[in-house]
Amino acid sequence: MSFQAYLDNIEKQTGVTPDGFIKLATEKGFTKPGTKATPITDWLKAEYGLGHGHAMAIVKLLRDRGVLT
C-alpha cells in the first residue's frame, strides 16, 4: 500500500484531511520540538480509532511537512 493510499484511507475513516491532522496536532501541542511519536499515536488511536500503521502514517506526514522535528 502506498503512503498516499494510507492517507486516503485515514481520511475516509475519520473524515479528517491530512492538513486537518496537521492543524489538530499543532493545536494539541504535538508539534513542539522534541515530541516523540508515541503521544501522537496514542492520541490518534484513542480519538480516531486508527491502528498503529495508520497513526504512524500521520506521524510521517507531520515529519515530512516539517511540523514535527
C-alpha atoms as a PDB file:
ATOM      1  CA  MET A   1       0.000   0.000   0.000  1.00  0.00           C
ATOM      2  CA  SER A   2       1.388   3.400  -0.918  1.00  0.00           C
ATOM      3  CA  PHE A   3       1.724   6.242   1.538  1.00  0.00           C
ATOM      4  CA  GLN A   4      -0.967   8.185  -0.320  1.00  0.00           C
ATOM      5  CA  ALA A   5      -3.298   5.181  -0.020  1.00  0.00           C
ATOM      6  CA  TYR A   6      -2.744   5.213   3.755  1.00  0.00           C
ATOM      7  CA  LEU A   7      -3.661   8.908   3.873  1.00  0.00           C
ATOM      8  CA  ASP A   8      -6.723   8.338   1.675  1.00  0.00           C
ATOM      9  CA  ASN A   9      -7.914   5.501   3.929  1.00  0.00           C
ATOM     10  CA  ILE A  10      -7.373   7.599   7.045  1.00  0.00           C
ATOM     11  CA  GLU A  11      -9.432  10.420   5.564  1.00  0.00           C
ATOM     12  CA  LYS A  12     -12.241   8.002   4.622  1.00  0.00           C
ATOM     13  CA  GLN A  13     -12.237   6.502   8.123  1.00  0.00           C
ATOM     14  CA  THR A  14     -12.037   9.734  10.110  1.00  0.00           C
ATOM     15  CA  GLY A  15     -13.310  12.468   7.810  1.00  0.00           C
ATOM     16  CA  VAL A  16     -10.166  14.458   8.607  1.00  0.00           C
ATOM     17  CA  THR A  17      -7.840  15.535   5.809  1.00  0.00           C
ATOM     18  CA  PRO A  18      -4.055  15.367   6.131  1.00  0.00           C
ATOM     19  CA  ASP A  19      -3.970  19.163   6.518  1.00  0.00           C
ATOM     20  CA  GLY A  20      -6.664  18.812   9.172  1.00  0.00           C
ATOM     21  CA  PHE A  21      -4.475  16.424  11.168  1.00  0.00           C
ATOM     22  CA  ILE A  22      -1.579  18.865  10.925  1.00  0.00           C
ATOM     23  CA  LYS A  23      -3.804  21.613  12.313  1.00  0.00           C
ATOM     24  CA  LEU A  24      -5.164  19.387  15.098  1.00  0.00           C
ATOM     25  CA  ALA A  25      -1.710  18.141  16.081  1.00  0.00           C
ATOM     26  CA  THR A  26      -0.452  21.719  16.235  1.00  0.00           C
ATOM     27  CA  GLU A  27      -3.416  22.814  18.368  1.00  0.00           C
ATOM     28  CA  LYS A  28      -2.787  19.914  20.775  1.00  0.00           C
ATOM     29  CA  GLY A  29       0.877  20.850  21.121  1.00  0.00           C
ATOM     30  CA  PHE A  30       2.229  17.759  19.369  1.00  0.00           C
ATOM     31  CA  THR A  31       4.454  19.765  17.034  1.00  0.00           C
ATOM     32  CA  LYS A  32       6.707  21.181  19.741  1.00  0.00           C
ATOM     33  CA  PRO A  33      10.405  20.345  19.386  1.00  0.00           C
ATOM     34  CA  GLY A  34      11.315  17.006  20.914  1.00  0.00           C
ATOM     35  CA  THR A  35       7.827  15.488  20.703  1.00  0.00           C
ATOM     36  CA  LYS A  36       8.057  11.730  20.257  1.00  0.00           C
ATOM     37  CA  ALA A  37       5.779   9.582  18.107  1.00  0.00           C
ATOM     38  CA  THR A  38       4.142   7.694  20.996  1.00  0.00           C
ATOM     39  CA  PRO A  39       1.983  10.533  22.379  1.00  0.00           C
ATOM     40  CA  ILE A  40       0.811  11.296  18.849  1.00  0.00           C
ATOM     41  CA  THR A  41      -0.039   7.697  18.009  1.00  0.00           C
ATOM     42  CA  ASP A  42      -1.771   7.253  21.380  1.00  0.00           C
ATOM     43  CA  TRP A  43      -3.930  10.328  20.630  1.00  0.00           C
ATOM     44  CA  LEU A  44      -4.798   9.140  17.118  1.00  0.00           C
ATOM     45  CA  LYS A  45      -5.674   5.641  18.325  1.00  0.00           C
ATOM     46  CA  ALA A  46      -7.836   6.916  21.203  1.00  0.00           C
ATOM     47  CA  GLU A  47      -9.676   9.735  19.419  1.00  0.00           C
ATOM     48  CA  TYR A  48      -9.898   8.399  15.870  1.00  0.00           C
ATOM     49  CA  GLY A  49      -9.645   4.624  16.253  1.00  0.00           C
ATOM     50  CA  LEU A  50      -6.622   4.409  13.979  1.00  0.00           C
ATOM     51  CA  GLY A  51      -4.413   1.359  14.005  1.00  0.00           C
ATOM     52  CA  HIS A  52      -0.714   1.699  14.670  1.00  0.00           C
ATOM     53  CA  GLY A  53       0.295   1.758  10.993  1.00  0.00           C
ATOM     54  CA  HIS A  54      -2.185   4.468  10.099  1.00  0.00           C
ATOM     55  CA  ALA A  55      -1.232   6.509  13.167  1.00  0.00           C
ATOM     56  CA  MET A  56       2.434   6.265  12.179  1.00  0.00           C
ATOM     57  CA  ALA A  57       1.495   7.483   8.701  1.00  0.00           C
ATOM     58  CA  ILE A  58       0.223  10.687  10.318  1.00  0.00           C
ATOM     59  CA  VAL A  59       3.478  10.980  12.272  1.00  0.00           C
ATOM     60  CA  LYS A  60       5.368  10.600   8.981  1.00  0.00           C
ATOM     61  CA  LEU A  61       3.134  13.246   7.424  1.00  0.00           C
ATOM     62  CA  LEU A  62       3.973  15.639  10.256  1.00  0.00           C
ATOM     63  CA  ARG A  63       7.679  14.964   9.813  1.00  0.00           C
ATOM     64  CA  ASP A  64       7.565  15.226   6.018  1.00  0.00           C
ATOM     65  CA  ARG A  65       5.756  18.562   6.195  1.00  0.00           C
ATOM     66  CA  GLY A  66       8.324  19.864   8.651  1.00  0.00           C
ATOM     67  CA  VAL A  67       5.928  20.471  11.523  1.00  0.00           C
ATOM     68  CA  LEU A  68       7.435  17.726  13.695  1.00  0.00           C
ATOM     69  CA  THR A  69      11.178  17.763  14.253  1.00  0.00           C
END
